[in-house]
Amino acid sequence: MEQKLSQEEFVKKAIVSLRKEGFKGIHTVYSGFNEAFKKYFEGENPIDATNKLATEGKIVIRPVKGGVMLYLPEDAPGASGADQTLKKMGLG
């Protein structure tokens, strides 16, 4: 039997696989992510799992109309120009 992905692996794979061309994240509802997560993990709550991963810095969550968007940290929008500059300098 094939070994199941961890929740982190599943979420990251979903973000990369389900995002539409030109977009860096996925909408948890419109992409079908929530339902797929519940089916794969036998009824576990995708909100709890994604919030935990976001707290750990593994993904970034942004609220949007109808749900949230999930991003890989390197693809997340919203960092200010100053934040990006400091990060490039190794100071952020």
N, C-alpha and C. Protein backbone atom coordinates (compact mmCIF):
# COMPACT_ATOMS: atom_id res chain seq x y z
N MET A 1 0.84 -1.19 0.00
CA MET A 1 0.00 0.00 0.00
C MET A 1 0.88 1.25 0.00
N GLU A 2 0.47 2.21 -0.77
CA GLU A 2 1.22 3.47 -0.88
C GLU A 2 1.15 4.26 0.42
N GLN A 3 2.30 4.81 0.83
CA GLN A 3 2.33 5.58 2.07
C GLN A 3 1.68 6.95 1.85
N LYS A 4 0.88 7.35 2.84
CA LYS A 4 0.21 8.65 2.75
C LYS A 4 1.19 9.79 2.94
N LEU A 5 0.87 10.90 2.31
CA LEU A 5 1.64 12.12 2.51
C LEU A 5 1.34 12.66 3.90
N SER A 6 2.29 13.41 4.46
CA SER A 6 2.01 14.14 5.70
C SER A 6 1.10 15.31 5.33
N GLN A 7 0.50 15.92 6.34
CA GLN A 7 -0.36 17.08 6.05
C GLN A 7 0.45 18.19 5.39
N GLU A 8 1.67 18.42 5.86
CA GLU A 8 2.52 19.45 5.25
C GLU A 8 2.80 19.12 3.79
N GLU A 9 3.16 17.89 3.49
CA GLU A 9 3.45 17.49 2.11
C GLU A 9 2.20 17.64 1.24
N PHE A 10 1.05 17.24 1.77
CA PHE A 10 -0.20 17.34 1.04
C PHE A 10 -0.52 18.79 0.69
N VAL A 11 -0.41 19.68 1.68
CA VAL A 11 -0.74 21.09 1.47
C VAL A 11 0.20 21.72 0.46
N LYS A 12 1.50 21.47 0.60
CA LYS A 12 2.47 22.05 -0.35
C LYS A 12 2.25 21.51 -1.76
N LYS A 13 1.98 20.21 -1.87
CA LYS A 13 1.71 19.61 -3.18
C LYS A 13 0.45 20.23 -3.79
N ALA A 14 -0.57 20.44 -2.97
CA ALA A 14 -1.82 21.04 -3.45
C ALA A 14 -1.57 22.45 -3.97
N ILE A 15 -0.79 23.24 -3.23
CA ILE A 15 -0.53 24.62 -3.66
C ILE A 15 0.14 24.63 -5.03
N VAL A 16 1.15 23.79 -5.19
CA VAL A 16 1.88 23.75 -6.47
C VAL A 16 1.02 23.17 -7.59
N SER A 17 0.27 22.13 -7.29
CA SER A 17 -0.50 21.42 -8.33
C SER A 17 -1.78 22.12 -8.73
N LEU A 18 -2.45 22.78 -7.79
CA LEU A 18 -3.78 23.33 -8.05
C LEU A 18 -3.80 24.80 -8.46
N ARG A 19 -2.69 25.49 -8.30
CA ARG A 19 -2.72 26.91 -8.65
C ARG A 19 -2.86 27.07 -10.16
N LYS A 20 -3.61 28.09 -10.53
CA LYS A 20 -3.85 28.36 -11.94
C LYS A 20 -2.69 29.18 -12.50
N GLU A 21 -2.50 29.06 -13.78
CA GLU A 21 -1.41 29.77 -14.44
C GLU A 21 -1.48 31.27 -14.14
N GLY A 22 -0.36 31.82 -13.76
CA GLY A 22 -0.30 33.24 -13.44
C GLY A 22 -0.57 33.55 -11.98
N PHE A 23 -0.94 32.53 -11.20
CA PHE A 23 -1.22 32.72 -9.78
C PHE A 23 -0.22 31.92 -8.95
N LYS A 24 0.07 32.43 -7.77
CA LYS A 24 1.05 31.77 -6.91
C LYS A 24 0.42 31.04 -5.73
N GLY A 25 -0.91 31.17 -5.56
CA GLY A 25 -1.58 30.51 -4.45
C GLY A 25 -2.85 29.83 -4.92
N ILE A 26 -3.51 29.18 -3.96
CA ILE A 26 -4.79 28.52 -4.27
C ILE A 26 -5.86 28.98 -3.28
N HIS A 27 -7.08 29.08 -3.75
CA HIS A 27 -8.23 29.37 -2.90
C HIS A 27 -8.70 28.05 -2.33
N THR A 28 -8.81 27.96 -1.02
CA THR A 28 -9.11 26.68 -0.38
C THR A 28 -10.47 26.10 -0.77
N VAL A 29 -11.42 26.97 -1.08
CA VAL A 29 -12.76 26.49 -1.43
C VAL A 29 -12.86 26.24 -2.94
N TYR A 30 -12.55 27.25 -3.73
CA TYR A 30 -12.77 27.17 -5.17
C TYR A 30 -11.85 26.16 -5.86
N SER A 31 -10.68 25.87 -5.27
CA SER A 31 -9.76 24.90 -5.87
C SER A 31 -10.17 23.46 -5.56
N GLY A 32 -11.07 23.29 -4.59
CA GLY A 32 -11.45 21.96 -4.16
C GLY A 32 -10.54 21.41 -3.07
N PHE A 33 -9.60 22.24 -2.60
CA PHE A 33 -8.63 21.80 -1.60
C PHE A 33 -9.29 21.28 -0.33
N ASN A 34 -10.24 22.04 0.23
CA ASN A 34 -10.86 21.63 1.50
C ASN A 34 -11.48 20.24 1.41
N GLU A 35 -12.24 20.00 0.37
CA GLU A 35 -12.90 18.70 0.21
C GLU A 35 -11.88 17.58 0.00
N ALA A 36 -10.86 17.85 -0.81
CA ALA A 36 -9.83 16.84 -1.05
C ALA A 36 -9.07 16.52 0.24
N PHE A 37 -8.79 17.54 1.04
CA PHE A 37 -8.09 17.33 2.32
C PHE A 37 -8.92 16.44 3.23
N LYS A 38 -10.21 16.75 3.34
CA LYS A 38 -11.10 15.96 4.21
C LYS A 38 -11.18 14.51 3.75
N LYS A 39 -11.21 14.30 2.45
CA LYS A 39 -11.30 12.93 1.92
C LYS A 39 -9.98 12.18 2.17
N TYR A 40 -8.86 12.81 1.87
CA TYR A 40 -7.55 12.17 2.00
C TYR A 40 -7.23 11.86 3.45
N PHE A 41 -7.56 12.78 4.35
CA PHE A 41 -7.25 12.61 5.77
C PHE A 41 -8.48 12.19 6.59
N GLU A 42 -9.44 11.57 5.92
CA GLU A 42 -10.60 10.94 6.56
C GLU A 42 -11.32 11.85 7.55
N GLY A 43 -11.74 13.01 7.06
CA GLY A 43 -12.58 13.90 7.85
C GLY A 43 -11.85 14.90 8.73
N GLU A 44 -10.51 14.90 8.71
CA GLU A 44 -9.78 15.88 9.52
C GLU A 44 -10.06 17.29 8.99
N ASN A 45 -9.90 18.27 9.87
CA ASN A 45 -10.24 19.65 9.55
C ASN A 45 -9.07 20.35 8.83
N PRO A 46 -9.28 20.78 7.57
CA PRO A 46 -8.21 21.45 6.84
C PRO A 46 -7.85 22.82 7.44
N ILE A 47 -8.80 23.45 8.10
CA ILE A 47 -8.53 24.77 8.70
C ILE A 47 -7.52 24.63 9.84
N ASP A 48 -7.72 23.64 10.69
CA ASP A 48 -6.77 23.41 11.78
C ASP A 48 -5.37 23.10 11.24
N ALA A 49 -5.32 22.25 10.23
CA ALA A 49 -4.03 21.84 9.67
C ALA A 49 -3.31 23.02 9.02
N THR A 50 -4.03 23.81 8.22
CA THR A 50 -3.37 24.92 7.54
C THR A 50 -2.98 26.02 8.52
N ASN A 51 -3.80 26.26 9.54
CA ASN A 51 -3.42 27.25 10.56
C ASN A 51 -2.16 26.83 11.29
N LYS A 52 -2.03 25.55 11.60
CA LYS A 52 -0.84 25.04 12.27
C LYS A 52 0.40 25.22 11.38
N LEU A 53 0.26 24.89 10.10
CA LEU A 53 1.39 25.05 9.17
C LEU A 53 1.77 26.52 9.01
N ALA A 54 0.77 27.39 9.01
CA ALA A 54 1.05 28.83 8.90
C ALA A 54 1.78 29.33 10.14
N THR A 55 1.36 28.87 11.32
CA THR A 55 2.01 29.26 12.57
C THR A 55 3.48 28.81 12.57
N GLU A 56 3.74 27.66 11.97
CA GLU A 56 5.10 27.12 11.89
C GLU A 56 5.93 27.77 10.78
N GLY A 57 5.29 28.64 9.97
CA GLY A 57 6.00 29.30 8.88
C GLY A 57 6.17 28.45 7.64
N LYS A 58 5.45 27.34 7.55
CA LYS A 58 5.59 26.43 6.40
C LYS A 58 4.78 26.92 5.19
N ILE A 59 3.66 27.61 5.46
CA ILE A 59 2.83 28.20 4.42
C ILE A 59 2.37 29.57 4.89
N VAL A 60 1.77 30.33 3.97
CA VAL A 60 1.22 31.64 4.31
C VAL A 60 -0.26 31.62 3.93
N ILE A 61 -1.10 32.13 4.84
CA ILE A 61 -2.54 32.21 4.61
C ILE A 61 -2.93 33.67 4.48
N ARG A 62 -3.72 33.98 3.45
CA ARG A 62 -4.25 35.34 3.27
C ARG A 62 -5.77 35.23 3.13
N PRO A 63 -6.52 35.96 3.97
CA PRO A 63 -7.98 35.92 3.84
C PRO A 63 -8.43 36.60 2.55
N VAL A 64 -9.41 36.00 1.90
CA VAL A 64 -10.01 36.54 0.68
C VAL A 64 -11.50 36.24 0.72
N LYS A 65 -12.23 36.83 -0.22
CA LYS A 65 -13.67 36.61 -0.29
C LYS A 65 -13.95 35.11 -0.46
N GLY A 66 -14.80 34.59 0.41
CA GLY A 66 -15.21 33.20 0.29
C GLY A 66 -14.28 32.19 0.93
N GLY A 67 -13.21 32.63 1.59
CA GLY A 67 -12.29 31.68 2.21
C GLY A 67 -10.92 32.28 2.41
N VAL A 68 -9.91 31.48 2.14
CA VAL A 68 -8.53 31.97 2.25
C VAL A 68 -7.73 31.46 1.06
N MET A 69 -6.61 32.14 0.82
CA MET A 69 -5.63 31.71 -0.16
C MET A 69 -4.46 31.10 0.59
N LEU A 70 -3.91 30.03 0.05
CA LEU A 70 -2.72 29.40 0.60
C LEU A 70 -1.55 29.63 -0.34
N TYR A 71 -0.41 29.99 0.23
CA TYR A 71 0.80 30.23 -0.55
C TYR A 71 1.99 29.53 0.09
N LEU A 72 2.96 29.17 -0.71
CA LEU A 72 4.26 28.81 -0.18
C LEU A 72 4.89 30.11 0.31
N PRO A 73 5.69 30.07 1.36
CA PRO A 73 6.23 31.32 1.93
C PRO A 73 6.96 32.19 0.90
N GLU A 74 7.70 31.56 -0.01
CA GLU A 74 8.47 32.33 -0.99
C GLU A 74 7.60 32.97 -2.06
N ASP A 75 6.34 32.54 -2.17
CA ASP A 75 5.44 33.08 -3.19
C ASP A 75 4.38 34.02 -2.63
N ALA A 76 4.35 34.20 -1.32
CA ALA A 76 3.27 34.97 -0.69
C ALA A 76 3.37 36.45 -1.01
N PRO A 77 2.23 37.06 -1.33
CA PRO A 77 2.21 38.51 -1.54
C PRO A 77 2.16 39.25 -0.21
N GLY A 78 2.42 40.51 -0.24
CA GLY A 78 2.16 41.32 0.94
C GLY A 78 3.37 41.82 1.68
N ALA A 79 4.55 41.28 1.43
CA ALA A 79 5.73 41.82 2.11
C ALA A 79 6.03 43.20 1.52
N SER A 80 6.27 44.16 2.36
CA SER A 80 6.54 45.51 1.89
C SER A 80 7.90 45.57 1.21
N GLY A 81 8.13 46.61 0.45
CA GLY A 81 9.42 46.80 -0.20
C GLY A 81 10.55 46.84 0.81
N ALA A 82 10.32 47.50 1.95
CA ALA A 82 11.34 47.58 2.99
C ALA A 82 11.63 46.19 3.56
N ASP A 83 10.59 45.39 3.76
CA ASP A 83 10.78 44.04 4.28
C ASP A 83 11.61 43.20 3.31
N GLN A 84 11.29 43.31 2.03
CA GLN A 84 12.02 42.55 1.01
C GLN A 84 13.47 42.99 0.95
N THR A 85 13.72 44.29 1.03
CA THR A 85 15.09 44.80 1.01
C THR A 85 15.88 44.30 2.20
N LEU A 86 15.30 44.36 3.38
CA LEU A 86 15.99 43.87 4.58
C LEU A 86 16.27 42.37 4.47
N LYS A 87 15.33 41.61 3.91
CA LYS A 87 15.53 40.18 3.77
C LYS A 87 16.69 39.89 2.82
N LYS A 88 16.75 40.63 1.71
CA LYS A 88 17.85 40.46 0.77
C LYS A 88 19.19 40.79 1.40
N MET A 89 19.19 41.73 2.33
CA MET A 89 20.41 42.14 3.02
C MET A 89 20.77 41.19 4.16
N GLY A 90 19.88 40.22 4.41
CA GLY A 90 20.11 39.27 5.49
C GLY A 90 19.78 39.85 6.86
N LEU A 91 18.98 40.91 6.88
CA LEU A 91 18.64 41.60 8.13
C LEU A 91 17.17 41.44 8.50
N GLY A 92 16.40 40.75 7.69
CA GLY A 92 14.98 40.66 7.97
C GLY A 92 14.52 39.28 8.23
